[in-house]
Protein backbone atom coordinates (compact mmCIF):
# COMPACT_ATOMS: atom_id res chain seq x y z
CA MET A 1 28.45 36.15 20.12
CA LYS A 2 30.03 32.70 19.47
CA GLN A 3 27.78 30.81 21.50
CA LYS A 4 24.84 32.44 19.32
CA LYS A 5 26.51 31.27 16.18
CA PHE A 6 26.69 27.96 17.25
CA VAL A 7 23.14 27.66 18.46
CA PHE A 8 22.03 29.06 15.20
CA LEU A 9 24.09 26.33 13.40
CA LEU A 10 22.93 23.44 15.17
CA LEU A 11 19.37 24.82 14.70
CA LEU A 12 19.62 24.91 10.79
CA LEU A 13 21.59 21.58 10.89
CA LEU A 14 18.93 20.02 12.99
CA SER A 15 16.27 21.52 10.51
CA LEU A 16 17.96 20.05 7.53
CA VAL A 17 17.88 16.84 9.33
CA GLY A 18 14.20 16.60 9.90
CA CYS A 19 13.60 17.27 6.49
CA GLY A 20 15.41 14.61 5.00
CA HIS A 21 13.14 12.97 1.95
CA GLY A 22 10.05 14.48 3.15
CA LYS A 23 10.22 17.30 1.36
CA THR A 24 9.71 18.36 -2.15
CA ASP A 25 12.67 19.99 -4.11
CA ASP A 26 11.02 19.92 -7.48
CA GLN A 27 9.84 23.62 -8.21
CA GLN A 28 9.07 22.91 -11.94
CA VAL A 29 6.66 20.29 -10.79
CA GLU A 30 5.26 22.62 -7.65
CA GLN A 31 4.49 25.33 -10.40
CA LYS A 32 2.70 22.78 -12.66
CA ILE A 33 0.42 21.63 -9.80
CA ASN A 34 -0.43 25.05 -8.57
CA GLU A 35 -1.50 26.23 -11.85
CA LEU A 36 -3.63 23.08 -12.15
CA ILE A 37 -5.34 23.59 -8.82
CA SER A 38 -6.04 26.98 -9.71
CA LYS A 39 -8.14 26.12 -12.51
CA MET A 40 -9.99 22.90 -10.79
CA SER A 41 -13.42 23.18 -9.39
CA ILE A 42 -14.38 22.02 -6.02
CA GLU A 43 -16.10 19.19 -7.57
CA GLU A 44 -12.81 17.97 -9.34
CA LYS A 45 -10.62 18.68 -6.29
CA VAL A 46 -12.73 16.39 -4.21
CA GLY A 47 -12.82 13.55 -7.13
CA GLN A 48 -9.11 13.57 -6.91
CA MET A 49 -9.46 12.61 -2.75
CA ALA A 50 -11.96 9.74 -3.73
CA GLN A 51 -11.02 6.01 -4.23
CA PHE A 52 -13.15 3.39 -5.54
CA THR A 53 -12.66 -0.04 -5.95
CA ILE A 54 -12.73 -1.33 -9.68
CA ASP A 55 -16.11 -3.39 -9.12
CA VAL A 56 -18.02 -0.33 -8.91
CA LEU A 57 -17.12 0.11 -12.45
CA GLY A 58 -17.67 -3.27 -14.06
CA LYS A 59 -20.57 -4.94 -15.42
CA GLY A 60 -23.51 -7.11 -13.44
CA GLY A 61 -26.13 -6.66 -10.86
CA GLY A 62 -24.03 -7.02 -7.91
CA VAL A 63 -22.83 -4.28 -5.82
CA TYR A 64 -19.68 -5.85 -4.29
CA ALA A 65 -18.75 -8.13 -7.71
CA SER A 66 -19.04 -8.21 -11.23
CA ASP A 67 -19.86 -10.36 -14.16
CA GLU A 68 -17.01 -12.70 -15.44
CA PRO A 69 -15.41 -12.03 -17.59
CA PHE A 70 -14.97 -8.75 -16.59
CA GLU A 71 -16.25 -5.66 -18.47
CA LEU A 72 -16.34 -1.94 -17.58
CA ASP A 73 -19.80 -0.55 -17.86
CA PRO A 74 -19.71 2.60 -19.88
CA ALA A 75 -22.77 4.02 -17.51
CA MET A 76 -20.66 3.70 -14.89
CA MET A 77 -17.79 5.29 -16.27
CA ASP A 78 -19.62 7.99 -17.06
CA THR A 79 -20.83 8.49 -13.57
CA VAL A 80 -17.52 7.88 -11.73
CA PHE A 81 -15.44 9.99 -14.30
CA GLY A 82 -17.68 12.36 -16.01
CA LYS A 83 -19.92 13.07 -12.96
CA TYR A 84 -17.89 12.63 -10.19
CA LYS A 85 -14.06 13.19 -11.69
CA VAL A 86 -12.78 10.35 -9.40
CA GLY A 87 -9.02 10.12 -9.21
CA SER A 88 -7.67 6.95 -8.04
CA ILE A 89 -9.26 3.33 -8.59
CA LEU A 90 -7.87 0.08 -6.59
CA ASN A 91 -8.00 -3.47 -6.46
CA THR A 92 -8.96 -6.31 -8.96
CA SER A 93 -12.16 -7.39 -10.00
CA ASN A 94 -13.78 -10.22 -8.31
CA ASN A 95 -10.80 -10.75 -5.94
CA ARG A 96 -8.66 -12.76 -8.52
CA ALA A 97 -5.74 -12.27 -10.49
CA ARG A 98 -5.40 -11.01 -13.97
CA THR A 99 -3.18 -11.59 -16.85
CA THR A 100 -0.96 -8.54 -18.00
CA GLU A 101 -3.29 -8.26 -21.63
CA VAL A 102 -6.42 -8.01 -19.01
CA TRP A 103 -4.69 -5.44 -16.89
CA GLU A 104 -3.29 -3.41 -19.92
CA ASN A 105 -6.74 -3.28 -21.36
CA ILE A 106 -8.56 -2.24 -18.27
CA ILE A 107 -6.59 0.09 -17.01
CA THR A 108 -5.78 2.03 -20.62
CA ASN A 109 -9.56 2.24 -20.80
CA ILE A 110 -10.22 3.82 -17.50
CA GLN A 111 -7.14 6.28 -18.25
CA GLN A 112 -8.73 7.04 -21.68
CA LYS A 113 -11.73 8.27 -19.89
CA ALA A 114 -10.85 9.99 -16.90
CA ILE A 115 -8.38 11.90 -19.05
CA LYS A 116 -10.96 12.74 -21.31
CA GLU A 117 -13.47 13.81 -18.54
CA THR A 118 -10.85 15.54 -16.55
CA GLY A 119 -7.42 16.23 -18.02
CA ILE A 120 -5.79 14.05 -15.10
CA PRO A 121 -5.02 10.46 -14.92
CA VAL A 122 -6.27 8.11 -12.53
CA LEU A 123 -3.87 6.74 -9.65
CA TYR A 124 -4.40 2.95 -9.84
CA GLY A 125 -3.31 1.23 -6.37
CA ILE A 126 -3.27 -2.81 -5.76
CA ASP A 127 -1.75 -4.72 -2.71
CA SER A 128 1.40 -6.14 -4.45
CA ASN A 129 2.47 -7.44 -1.07
CA HIS A 130 4.72 -10.05 -1.29
CA GLY A 131 5.63 -10.02 -4.95
CA THR A 132 3.03 -9.55 -7.92
CA THR A 133 -0.39 -10.36 -5.92
CA TYR A 134 -2.45 -9.84 -8.26
CA THR A 135 -1.10 -10.77 -11.72
CA ALA A 136 -1.40 -14.16 -13.16
CA GLY A 137 2.18 -15.30 -14.16
CA GLY A 138 4.01 -12.72 -11.84
CA THR A 139 6.77 -13.95 -8.95
CA LEU A 140 5.87 -14.26 -5.55
CA PHE A 141 8.35 -13.82 -2.71
CA PRO A 142 8.13 -15.06 0.86
CA GLN A 143 5.94 -12.93 3.12
CA GLU A 144 7.35 -10.19 5.12
CA ILE A 145 8.06 -12.42 8.06
CA GLY A 146 10.05 -14.70 6.11
CA MET A 147 11.77 -12.19 4.44
CA ALA A 148 12.75 -10.50 7.81
CA ALA A 149 14.06 -14.14 8.80
CA THR A 150 16.63 -13.57 6.12
CA PHE A 151 18.21 -10.36 8.32
CA ASN A 152 19.33 -9.58 4.57
CA PRO A 153 17.93 -6.17 3.54
CA GLN A 154 19.69 -6.38 0.05
CA LEU A 155 17.10 -9.31 -0.66
CA VAL A 156 14.29 -7.41 0.45
CA GLU A 157 14.98 -4.21 -1.99
CA LYS A 158 15.88 -6.83 -4.52
CA GLY A 159 12.47 -8.23 -4.02
CA SER A 160 10.72 -5.03 -4.06
CA GLN A 161 12.36 -3.96 -7.44
CA ILE A 162 11.17 -7.25 -8.93
CA SER A 163 7.61 -6.67 -7.57
CA ALA A 164 7.73 -2.94 -8.96
CA TYR A 165 9.04 -3.98 -12.25
CA GLU A 166 6.09 -6.65 -12.45
CA THR A 167 3.19 -4.31 -11.23
CA ARG A 168 4.38 -1.75 -13.59
CA ALA A 169 3.71 -4.55 -16.30
CA SER A 170 0.53 -4.71 -15.41
CA ASN A 171 -0.05 -1.14 -15.92
CA ILE A 172 -0.10 -0.52 -12.12
CA PRO A 173 2.02 2.18 -10.57
CA TRP A 174 1.34 2.15 -6.82
CA THR A 175 1.34 -0.53 -4.06
CA PHE A 176 -0.13 -0.89 -0.82
CA ASN A 177 3.22 -1.87 0.71
CA PRO A 178 5.50 -2.60 2.55
CA THR A 179 3.56 -3.25 6.12
CA MET A 180 5.75 -2.34 9.30
CA ASP A 181 3.33 -3.21 12.10
CA LEU A 182 5.14 -4.38 15.02
CA GLY A 183 3.83 -8.00 15.51
CA ARG A 184 4.08 -8.11 19.31
CA ASP A 185 1.08 -10.26 19.94
CA ALA A 186 0.79 -13.88 18.98
CA ARG A 187 -3.21 -13.78 19.05
CA TRP A 188 -3.43 -11.09 16.10
CA SER A 189 -3.92 -12.79 12.82
CA ARG A 190 -1.54 -10.76 10.41
CA GLN A 191 1.75 -11.25 12.19
CA TRP A 192 2.91 -13.18 8.87
CA GLU A 193 2.33 -9.68 6.79
CA SER A 194 5.03 -7.73 8.91
CA TYR A 195 8.83 -7.92 9.39
CA GLY A 196 8.11 -9.22 13.44
CA GLU A 197 8.30 -7.37 16.74
CA ASP A 198 11.58 -5.53 16.71
CA ALA A 199 11.57 -1.76 15.54
CA TYR A 200 14.66 -1.64 14.29
CA LEU A 201 14.79 -4.51 12.19
CA ASN A 202 11.14 -3.41 10.72
CA ALA A 203 12.69 0.11 10.05
CA THR A 204 15.73 -1.63 8.22
CA MET A 205 13.71 -3.81 6.18
CA ALA A 206 11.02 -1.39 5.30
CA VAL A 207 13.58 1.18 4.02
CA ALA A 208 15.04 -1.19 1.82
CA SER A 209 11.65 -2.17 0.65
CA VAL A 210 10.76 1.52 -0.22
CA ARG A 211 14.16 2.08 -2.07
CA GLY A 212 13.25 -1.15 -4.14
CA PHE A 213 9.63 -0.02 -5.11
CA GLN A 214 10.83 3.61 -5.97
CA GLY A 215 14.29 3.56 -6.75
CA LYS A 216 16.91 6.50 -5.86
CA ASP A 217 14.70 9.56 -7.02
CA ARG A 218 11.20 9.87 -5.05
CA ASN A 219 10.86 13.32 -7.36
CA SER A 220 11.17 11.12 -10.77
CA VAL A 221 10.03 7.46 -10.22
CA GLY A 222 10.99 5.46 -13.08
CA LYS A 223 9.18 3.31 -15.66
CA ASP A 224 10.31 0.26 -13.72
CA ARG A 225 9.51 1.39 -10.39
CA ILE A 226 6.39 2.31 -8.35
CA ALA A 227 5.12 4.15 -5.40
CA ALA A 228 5.01 2.41 -2.20
CA CYS A 229 2.57 3.08 0.44
CA ILE A 230 3.87 2.22 4.08
CA LYS A 231 1.28 1.23 6.61
CA HIS A 232 -0.72 0.73 8.78
CA TYR A 233 0.29 4.01 10.50
CA MET A 234 0.71 2.82 13.48
CA GLY A 235 0.10 0.56 16.46
CA TYR A 236 -2.16 -1.85 14.23
CA GLY A 237 -0.48 -5.09 15.36
CA VAL A 238 -0.96 -4.85 18.84
CA PRO A 239 -4.74 -5.10 19.62
CA VAL A 240 -5.84 -5.46 23.31
CA SER A 241 -8.12 -7.92 22.05
CA GLY A 242 -5.71 -9.52 19.59
CA LYS A 243 -8.21 -9.20 17.07
CA ASP A 244 -7.82 -7.11 13.88
CA ARG A 245 -8.93 -3.61 13.66
CA THR A 246 -9.92 -3.25 17.28
CA PRO A 247 -8.37 -0.90 19.98
CA ALA A 248 -4.56 -0.61 21.37
CA VAL A 249 -3.46 0.44 24.24
CA ILE A 250 0.42 1.97 23.76
CA SER A 251 2.60 4.33 26.34
CA GLU A 252 3.40 7.67 24.73
CA SER A 253 7.11 6.47 25.14
CA ASP A 254 6.48 3.41 22.96
CA LEU A 255 4.38 4.91 20.49
CA ARG A 256 7.22 7.65 19.61
CA GLU A 257 10.22 5.31 19.93
CA LYS A 258 9.17 2.01 18.71
CA PHE A 259 5.91 2.37 16.45
CA PHE A 260 6.57 5.32 15.05
CA GLU A 261 10.35 4.68 14.25
CA PRO A 262 9.55 2.36 10.95
CA PHE A 263 7.52 4.73 9.68
CA ARG A 264 9.90 7.96 10.44
CA ALA A 265 12.71 5.92 8.93
CA SER A 266 10.74 4.90 5.78
CA ILE A 267 10.01 8.44 4.88
CA VAL A 268 13.11 10.35 6.05
CA ASP A 269 15.68 7.55 4.77
CA GLY A 270 13.52 5.94 2.29
CA GLY A 271 11.28 8.63 0.71
CA ALA A 272 8.23 6.84 0.59
CA LEU A 273 5.47 8.47 -1.55
CA SER A 274 2.51 7.71 0.35
CA LEU A 275 1.05 5.95 3.66
CA MET A 276 -1.78 4.00 4.74
CA VAL A 277 -3.66 4.91 8.42
CA ASN A 278 -4.11 2.03 10.92
CA SER A 279 -7.81 0.76 11.02
CA GLY A 280 -8.36 0.75 14.76
CA ILE A 281 -7.95 3.12 17.73
CA ILE A 282 -5.09 4.00 19.65
CA ASN A 283 -5.46 4.93 23.53
CA GLY A 284 -9.21 5.70 22.57
CA VAL A 285 -8.84 7.95 19.56
CA SER A 286 -9.78 6.11 16.03
CA THR A 287 -6.50 6.86 14.23
CA HIS A 288 -8.54 8.13 11.13
CA SER A 289 -9.43 11.15 13.32
CA ASP A 290 -6.16 11.79 15.20
CA TYR A 291 -4.74 15.11 14.07
CA ARG A 292 -1.94 14.79 16.11
CA LEU A 293 -0.72 11.70 14.92
CA LEU A 294 -1.63 12.41 10.91
CA THR A 295 -0.76 16.15 10.65
CA GLU A 296 1.47 17.08 13.48
CA TRP A 297 3.61 14.17 13.88
CA LEU A 298 3.75 13.26 9.96
CA LYS A 299 3.07 16.44 7.89
CA GLU A 300 4.80 19.07 10.18
CA ASP A 301 7.05 17.28 12.15
CA LEU A 302 8.36 15.00 9.20
CA ASN A 303 7.77 17.87 6.53
CA PHE A 304 5.93 14.66 4.86
CA ASP A 305 4.62 15.53 1.39
CA GLY A 306 3.35 12.62 0.46
CA VAL A 307 -0.20 11.22 0.22
CA ILE A 308 -2.31 9.73 3.59
CA VAL A 309 -4.57 7.33 2.38
CA THR A 310 -7.19 5.63 4.53
CA ASP A 311 -7.60 1.93 4.83
CA TRP A 312 -10.65 0.32 3.35
CA ALA A 313 -14.19 1.98 4.41
CA ASP A 314 -12.33 3.42 7.53
CA VAL A 315 -14.14 6.80 7.36
CA GLN A 316 -17.36 4.99 7.50
CA ASN A 317 -15.96 2.87 10.25
CA LEU A 318 -15.77 6.38 12.49
CA LEU A 319 -19.62 6.23 12.29
CA SER A 320 -20.66 2.54 12.12
CA ARG A 321 -17.94 1.11 14.38
CA ASP A 322 -16.13 4.13 16.24
CA HIS A 323 -19.76 6.00 16.94
CA VAL A 324 -17.45 9.22 17.11
CA ALA A 325 -19.55 10.86 14.04
CA LYS A 326 -23.32 11.77 13.99
CA ASP A 327 -23.48 11.04 10.52
CA TYR A 328 -21.40 9.73 7.41
CA LYS A 329 -20.96 13.51 6.28
CA ASP A 330 -19.45 14.08 9.74
CA ALA A 331 -17.32 11.40 9.87
CA ILE A 332 -15.98 12.77 6.38
CA ARG A 333 -15.63 15.83 8.21
CA ILE A 334 -13.65 14.58 10.84
CA ALA A 335 -11.43 12.23 8.69
CA ILE A 336 -10.39 15.05 6.41
CA ASN A 337 -9.94 17.86 8.74
CA ALA A 338 -7.65 15.24 10.57
CA GLY A 339 -5.30 15.34 8.00
CA ILE A 340 -6.61 12.50 5.24
CA ASP A 341 -5.56 13.22 1.96
CA MET A 342 -7.35 10.42 0.01
CA VAL A 343 -10.58 8.17 0.89
CA MET A 344 -10.57 4.30 0.07
CA GLU A 345 -14.33 4.62 0.24
CA PRO A 346 -14.47 2.23 -1.57
CA TYR A 347 -18.17 1.53 -2.98
CA ASN A 348 -20.32 5.00 -1.71
CA LEU A 349 -20.00 7.57 -4.68
CA GLN A 350 -22.05 9.72 -1.93
CA PHE A 351 -18.69 10.59 -0.01
CA CYS A 352 -18.10 13.15 -3.11
CA ASP A 353 -21.47 14.92 -2.79
CA GLU A 354 -20.44 15.05 1.06
CA LEU A 355 -17.12 16.51 1.02
CA VAL A 356 -18.20 18.89 -1.60
CA ALA A 357 -20.96 20.11 0.84
CA LEU A 358 -18.61 20.21 3.44
CA VAL A 359 -16.36 22.63 1.72
CA LYS A 360 -19.26 25.01 0.77
CA SER A 361 -20.64 25.21 4.20
CA GLY A 362 -17.08 26.07 5.43
CA GLU A 363 -16.80 22.89 7.79
CA VAL A 364 -13.78 21.93 5.73
CA LYS A 365 -11.71 24.48 4.62
CA GLN A 366 -10.41 25.30 0.84
CA GLU A 367 -6.78 25.58 2.34
CA ARG A 368 -7.05 21.70 3.74
CA ILE A 369 -9.02 20.33 0.49
CA ASP A 370 -5.97 22.08 -1.80
CA ASP A 371 -3.25 20.71 0.42
CA ALA A 372 -4.57 17.15 -0.27
CA VAL A 373 -5.00 17.68 -4.10
CA ARG A 374 -1.39 19.00 -4.29
CA ARG A 375 -0.19 15.90 -2.56
CA ILE A 376 -2.28 13.79 -4.79
CA LEU A 377 -1.19 15.36 -8.08
CA ARG A 378 2.44 15.40 -6.87
CA MET A 379 2.35 11.49 -6.65
CA LYS A 380 1.18 11.41 -10.12
CA TYR A 381 3.70 13.92 -11.50
CA ARG A 382 6.54 11.87 -9.45
CA LEU A 383 5.29 8.66 -11.15
CA GLY A 384 5.36 9.85 -14.83
CA LEU A 385 1.35 9.84 -15.08
CA PHE A 386 0.84 12.99 -16.87
CA ASP A 387 3.21 12.13 -19.70
CA ARG A 388 2.48 8.20 -19.76
CA PRO A 389 -0.62 7.14 -17.95
CA TYR A 390 -0.73 3.66 -19.72
CA TRP A 391 2.07 1.77 -21.53
CA SER A 392 2.26 -1.50 -23.31
CA ARG A 393 3.03 -4.90 -21.25
CA ASN A 394 5.38 -5.74 -24.34
CA GLU A 395 7.71 -3.07 -22.32
CA TYR A 396 8.36 -5.60 -19.66
CA PRO A 397 10.09 -8.57 -21.27
CA ASP A 398 11.45 -10.25 -18.09
CA PHE A 399 8.01 -10.51 -16.44
CA GLY A 400 7.77 -13.59 -14.80
CA SER A 401 11.15 -14.27 -15.97
CA LYS A 402 13.63 -17.23 -14.67
CA ALA A 403 15.71 -14.61 -13.39
CA HIS A 404 12.85 -13.31 -11.24
CA GLU A 405 12.32 -16.55 -9.96
CA ALA A 406 15.61 -17.84 -8.83
CA ALA A 407 15.68 -14.21 -6.86
CA ALA A 408 12.46 -15.39 -4.93
CA LYS A 409 13.92 -18.85 -4.59
CA ALA A 410 17.13 -17.39 -3.14
CA ALA A 411 14.81 -15.36 -0.48
CA ALA A 412 12.97 -18.36 0.15
CA ASP A 413 16.04 -20.34 0.97
CA GLU A 414 17.30 -17.54 3.32
CA SER A 415 14.49 -17.20 4.95
CA ILE A 416 14.32 -21.04 6.17
CA THR A 417 15.13 -20.69 10.00
CA LEU A 418 15.98 -24.24 11.97
CA LEU A 419 14.48 -24.32 15.23
CA LYS A 420 15.62 -27.63 16.43
CA ASN A 421 17.36 -30.63 15.19
CA GLU A 422 16.83 -33.73 17.63
CA ASP A 423 19.19 -36.69 17.27
CA ASN A 424 20.50 -34.95 14.00
CA ILE A 425 17.63 -36.03 11.95
CA LEU A 426 18.78 -33.33 9.52
CA PRO A 427 20.37 -33.53 6.72
CA LEU A 428 17.55 -36.79 5.85
CA LYS A 429 19.18 -39.43 4.96
CA LYS A 430 18.79 -41.42 1.89
CA GLY A 431 16.34 -44.27 2.20
CA ALA A 432 14.97 -42.48 5.40
CA ARG A 433 10.84 -43.12 5.83
CA LEU A 434 9.12 -39.93 6.29
CA LEU A 435 5.41 -39.01 7.71
CA VAL A 436 4.10 -36.11 5.98
CA THR A 437 1.18 -34.82 7.99
CA GLY A 438 -0.86 -31.73 8.88
CA PRO A 439 -3.67 -29.81 7.51
CA ASN A 440 -1.15 -27.52 5.91
CA ALA A 441 1.12 -30.59 4.15
CA ASN A 442 -0.77 -30.53 0.87
CA SER A 443 -2.18 -27.58 0.50
CA MET A 444 -0.86 -24.56 -2.10
CA ARG A 445 -2.93 -22.10 -0.32
CA THR A 446 -1.47 -21.96 2.98
CA LEU A 447 1.99 -22.63 1.68
CA ASN A 448 1.66 -19.12 -0.07
CA GLY A 449 -0.49 -17.41 2.25
CA GLY A 450 -2.88 -14.65 1.90
CA TRP A 451 -2.29 -12.31 -0.99
CA SER A 452 -1.45 -14.68 -3.23
CA TYR A 453 -3.67 -14.22 -6.76
CA SER A 454 -6.95 -13.35 -4.30
CA TRP A 455 -7.24 -11.48 -0.92
CA GLN A 456 -7.12 -14.69 1.29
CA GLY A 457 -5.12 -16.90 -1.11
CA GLU A 458 -8.07 -19.13 -1.67
CA LYS A 459 -7.36 -19.28 -5.14
CA THR A 460 -3.94 -20.04 -5.16
CA GLU A 461 -4.28 -23.79 -6.60
CA GLU A 462 -6.22 -22.56 -9.77
CA PHE A 463 -2.99 -20.06 -10.48
CA ALA A 464 -0.43 -21.94 -9.36
CA GLN A 465 -0.88 -25.67 -10.98
CA GLN A 466 2.71 -25.58 -11.73
CA TYR A 467 4.38 -25.59 -8.26
CA ASN A 468 4.47 -28.32 -5.69
CA THR A 469 2.86 -28.19 -1.99
CA ILE A 470 5.15 -29.69 0.77
CA PHE A 471 3.84 -33.12 0.59
CA GLU A 472 4.27 -32.90 -3.51
CA ALA A 473 7.98 -31.70 -2.80
CA LEU A 474 9.14 -34.43 -0.53
CA GLN A 475 7.44 -36.87 -2.67
CA ASN A 476 8.91 -36.14 -5.83
CA LYS A 477 12.32 -35.82 -3.86
CA PHE A 478 12.29 -38.88 -1.89
CA GLY A 479 9.30 -41.10 -3.76
């Protein structure tokens, strides 16, 4: 009898440990969500699962870009929010940073239109990957590989907290960060975006980052914080070819014990509200089609109640690149049934029509749609968007402040790693002559890297004129 009681208590303890931060405990919010879902049409539900880039909403003749200065197109606003009831927008227009004033104007208009058409606020997402990437005048921190070199999770948490504040100042409540791809192949082009090759360090830093972004209460993210999106789940950083978005071969033990661990920790210990899926293929299975990894490992084993979002155009890739679907509609069926909740389409509004048809034909069950929509609405409630879908930038007086700049400098100082010091040349002696050479010596773009004012950082010189390159800084210091 005593043995049975012990086994029961042990199982109970394990079940509680397994739940962690993965499961909601806000029953009032759950009741509101259930009531809202019961009133929604299938078209409205599908719209919540769709995410499109902001250039779809902009004036201009191009499909992939908008006119400058950027203006919202009333006709496309009617189509996106009136006809298709879309629930999420991402990115910046024309791949360039905007001021907080411009962001406030754009997102206020988007939210007002969405609420008028559906009564549900839009979930706006952006890549604030090492600071306030897409807001002019914001604070940039070292890239994640630099933050990893500090071995200081407190600095990581502080950096994410500042990034959250300044992203909120831009009227954006969701970032696609942190990245915790184990960088174990020097050929892979995105090493700098991760916390390096070690699973423990990635997990420690990622949990700190999630806490910095979201704060202590994942059920009620404050007005100075934003939702984190842990990525790219998983095995993204070890492609066999070394090339981005290509297949990986990973043993089952490594997959579970190493690559899964940073994501497990970020959900159970950090309380991450969303997760982005690896664009590649693991052991012959496209990750966006992998029911085991998406539904069983996350939603069942971890009780993860957050949002699983695709990466850019990766449902289309199931058809055009991976050839596992017979057509675009079939690719949507595969991804949604595998456990995808939100599709970063990002251009093709046909997605909504196709998913509605799949539900009506029974190829995607209504229960699967309701599960996805429940997760998306839950995240919007947790972010306070139903109460305040937009706000004034003037509520954030510390945006780009000296204090934030000092925190970024402290992180940069601590990230510096001395590899060698032959003949004790350091510290540099007064009067020494220096040869500064190399393609990156006088480049602001390479000093900051990607996700700096634009996707690949190619617009950095335009937005960072007040700062110095390595050559300029040494010249100013030593003449």
